[in-house]
Amino acid sequence: MSDETILIHLQAQDYTIPWANDAFKNRFGPIEGRKCFEILHDRNSPCAKCPTFLAFSNHQPVIREWVLSEEETYMTVVEPLPNEVPLLIEHMIEY
């Protein structure tokens, strides 16, 4: 597994992505001024029943498989940051 297959980003409650590693930006493009649903799903509005946001409401990790296309499947782990920091960290591992 190379560094290019591990994508990491921080997710804010306002749908922004305040930080992402180079692998994430290389795959999805620039993050500045864009919302997660624009970056990850090419949408104009938030996704209904977003599984990532369950980690905000449940304060527990969310682990799932995300099939982006026939060629791309990721195992994602989303965790709230400790100490009431209002951000999530999401690790996406392509397999």
C-alpha atoms as a PDB file:
ATOM      1  CA  MET A   1       0.000   0.000   0.000  1.00  0.00           C
ATOM      2  CA  SER A   2       1.431   3.374  -0.953  1.00  0.00           C
ATOM      3  CA  ASP A   3       0.840   6.783   0.595  1.00  0.00           C
ATOM      4  CA  GLU A   4      -1.280   7.639  -2.456  1.00  0.00           C
ATOM      5  CA  THR A   5      -3.922   5.077  -1.431  1.00  0.00           C
ATOM      6  CA  ILE A   6      -4.495   6.557   2.051  1.00  0.00           C
ATOM      7  CA  LEU A   7      -6.595   9.708   1.862  1.00  0.00           C
ATOM      8  CA  ILE A   8      -7.106  11.735   5.047  1.00  0.00           C
ATOM      9  CA  HIS A   9      -9.154  14.845   5.687  1.00  0.00           C
ATOM     10  CA  LEU A  10     -10.749  16.831   8.482  1.00  0.00           C
ATOM     11  CA  GLN A  11     -14.491  17.386   8.224  1.00  0.00           C
ATOM     12  CA  ALA A  12     -16.266  20.359   9.832  1.00  0.00           C
ATOM     13  CA  GLN A  13     -19.952  20.539  10.752  1.00  0.00           C
ATOM     14  CA  ASP A  14     -20.502  23.256   8.149  1.00  0.00           C
ATOM     15  CA  TYR A  15     -19.527  20.713   5.432  1.00  0.00           C
ATOM     16  CA  THR A  16     -16.141  22.310   4.800  1.00  0.00           C
ATOM     17  CA  ILE A  17     -12.901  20.362   4.720  1.00  0.00           C
ATOM     18  CA  PRO A  18     -10.385  22.573   6.548  1.00  0.00           C
ATOM     19  CA  TRP A  19      -7.437  20.234   5.916  1.00  0.00           C
ATOM     20  CA  ALA A  20      -6.612  17.267   3.663  1.00  0.00           C
ATOM     21  CA  ASN A  21      -3.445  15.353   2.897  1.00  0.00           C
ATOM     22  CA  ASP A  22      -1.820  15.515  -0.522  1.00  0.00           C
ATOM     23  CA  ALA A  23      -3.262  12.145  -1.577  1.00  0.00           C
ATOM     24  CA  PHE A  24      -6.799  13.444  -0.939  1.00  0.00           C
ATOM     25  CA  LYS A  25      -6.154  16.675  -2.862  1.00  0.00           C
ATOM     26  CA  ASN A  26      -4.499  14.791  -5.723  1.00  0.00           C
ATOM     27  CA  ARG A  27      -7.584  12.575  -6.044  1.00  0.00           C
ATOM     28  CA  PHE A  28     -10.381  15.125  -5.465  1.00  0.00           C
ATOM     29  CA  GLY A  29      -8.785  18.476  -6.311  1.00  0.00           C
ATOM     30  CA  PRO A  30      -8.620  21.704  -4.327  1.00  0.00           C
ATOM     31  CA  ILE A  31     -10.578  21.904  -1.087  1.00  0.00           C
ATOM     32  CA  GLU A  32     -10.519  25.654  -0.458  1.00  0.00           C
ATOM     33  CA  GLY A  33     -13.966  27.244  -0.563  1.00  0.00           C
ATOM     34  CA  ARG A  34     -15.707  23.947  -1.364  1.00  0.00           C
ATOM     35  CA  LYS A  35     -18.037  21.730   0.648  1.00  0.00           C
ATOM     36  CA  CYS A  36     -17.578  17.990   1.142  1.00  0.00           C
ATOM     37  CA  PHE A  37     -20.630  17.131  -0.974  1.00  0.00           C
ATOM     38  CA  GLU A  38     -19.174  19.173  -3.852  1.00  0.00           C
ATOM     39  CA  ILE A  39     -15.731  17.610  -3.516  1.00  0.00           C
ATOM     40  CA  LEU A  40     -16.656  13.977  -2.897  1.00  0.00           C
ATOM     41  CA  HIS A  41     -20.002  13.608  -4.678  1.00  0.00           C
ATOM     42  CA  ASP A  42     -20.203  16.437  -7.237  1.00  0.00           C
ATOM     43  CA  ARG A  43     -23.444  17.634  -5.609  1.00  0.00           C
ATOM     44  CA  ASN A  44     -24.868  21.096  -4.922  1.00  0.00           C
ATOM     45  CA  SER A  45     -26.415  20.202  -1.568  1.00  0.00           C
ATOM     46  CA  PRO A  46     -25.664  17.907   1.382  1.00  0.00           C
ATOM     47  CA  CYS A  47     -26.259  14.209   0.975  1.00  0.00           C
ATOM     48  CA  ALA A  48     -29.362  12.795   2.653  1.00  0.00           C
ATOM     49  CA  LYS A  49     -28.516  10.661   5.689  1.00  0.00           C
ATOM     50  CA  CYS A  50     -24.779  11.237   5.374  1.00  0.00           C
ATOM     51  CA  PRO A  51     -23.014   8.352   7.145  1.00  0.00           C
ATOM     52  CA  THR A  52     -19.985  10.534   7.880  1.00  0.00           C
ATOM     53  CA  PHE A  53     -22.104  12.931   9.924  1.00  0.00           C
ATOM     54  CA  LEU A  54     -23.284  10.067  12.161  1.00  0.00           C
ATOM     55  CA  ALA A  55     -19.934  10.423  13.925  1.00  0.00           C
ATOM     56  CA  PHE A  56     -20.915  13.991  14.874  1.00  0.00           C
ATOM     57  CA  SER A  57     -24.284  12.977  16.307  1.00  0.00           C
ATOM     58  CA  ASN A  58     -23.249   9.644  17.879  1.00  0.00           C
ATOM     59  CA  HIS A  59     -19.756  10.709  19.022  1.00  0.00           C
ATOM     60  CA  GLN A  60     -18.583   7.280  17.878  1.00  0.00           C
ATOM     61  CA  PRO A  61     -16.425   6.084  14.974  1.00  0.00           C
ATOM     62  CA  VAL A  62     -18.195   5.138  11.752  1.00  0.00           C
ATOM     63  CA  ILE A  63     -16.580   2.434   9.618  1.00  0.00           C
ATOM     64  CA  ARG A  64     -17.946   1.632   6.193  1.00  0.00           C
ATOM     65  CA  GLU A  65     -17.188   0.668   2.636  1.00  0.00           C
ATOM     66  CA  TRP A  66     -17.644   3.444   0.087  1.00  0.00           C
ATOM     67  CA  VAL A  67     -17.946   2.481  -3.579  1.00  0.00           C
ATOM     68  CA  LEU A  68     -17.120   5.604  -5.550  1.00  0.00           C
ATOM     69  CA  SER A  69     -17.121   3.895  -8.950  1.00  0.00           C
ATOM     70  CA  GLU A  70     -16.554   0.487 -10.505  1.00  0.00           C
ATOM     71  CA  GLU A  71     -12.826   1.216 -10.325  1.00  0.00           C
ATOM     72  CA  GLU A  72     -12.673   2.791  -6.859  1.00  0.00           C
ATOM     73  CA  THR A  73     -13.699   1.328  -3.522  1.00  0.00           C
ATOM     74  CA  TYR A  74     -12.584   2.683  -0.158  1.00  0.00           C
ATOM     75  CA  MET A  75     -12.775   1.504   3.419  1.00  0.00           C
ATOM     76  CA  THR A  76     -13.486   4.638   5.434  1.00  0.00           C
ATOM     77  CA  VAL A  77     -13.046   5.265   9.135  1.00  0.00           C
ATOM     78  CA  VAL A  78     -14.532   8.477  10.509  1.00  0.00           C
ATOM     79  CA  GLU A  79     -13.825   9.518  14.088  1.00  0.00           C
ATOM     80  CA  PRO A  80     -14.683  12.565  16.164  1.00  0.00           C
ATOM     81  CA  LEU A  81     -11.634  14.409  17.442  1.00  0.00           C
ATOM     82  CA  PRO A  82     -11.153  14.336  21.227  1.00  0.00           C
ATOM     83  CA  ASN A  83     -11.826  17.102  23.732  1.00  0.00           C
ATOM     84  CA  GLU A  84     -14.974  18.481  22.101  1.00  0.00           C
ATOM     85  CA  VAL A  85     -13.122  19.718  19.008  1.00  0.00           C
ATOM     86  CA  PRO A  86     -15.949  20.157  16.444  1.00  0.00           C
ATOM     87  CA  LEU A  87     -14.176  18.219  13.679  1.00  0.00           C
ATOM     88  CA  LEU A  88     -14.059  14.685  12.356  1.00  0.00           C
ATOM     89  CA  ILE A  89     -11.056  12.937  10.884  1.00  0.00           C
ATOM     90  CA  GLU A  90     -11.730  10.571   8.000  1.00  0.00           C
ATOM     91  CA  HIS A  91      -9.249   8.001   6.736  1.00  0.00           C
ATOM     92  CA  MET A  92     -10.033   6.518   3.331  1.00  0.00           C
ATOM     93  CA  ILE A  93      -8.070   3.473   2.233  1.00  0.00           C
ATOM     94  CA  GLU A  94      -8.460   2.358  -1.363  1.00  0.00           C
ATOM     95  CA  TYR A  95      -8.538  -1.372  -1.991  1.00  0.00           C
END
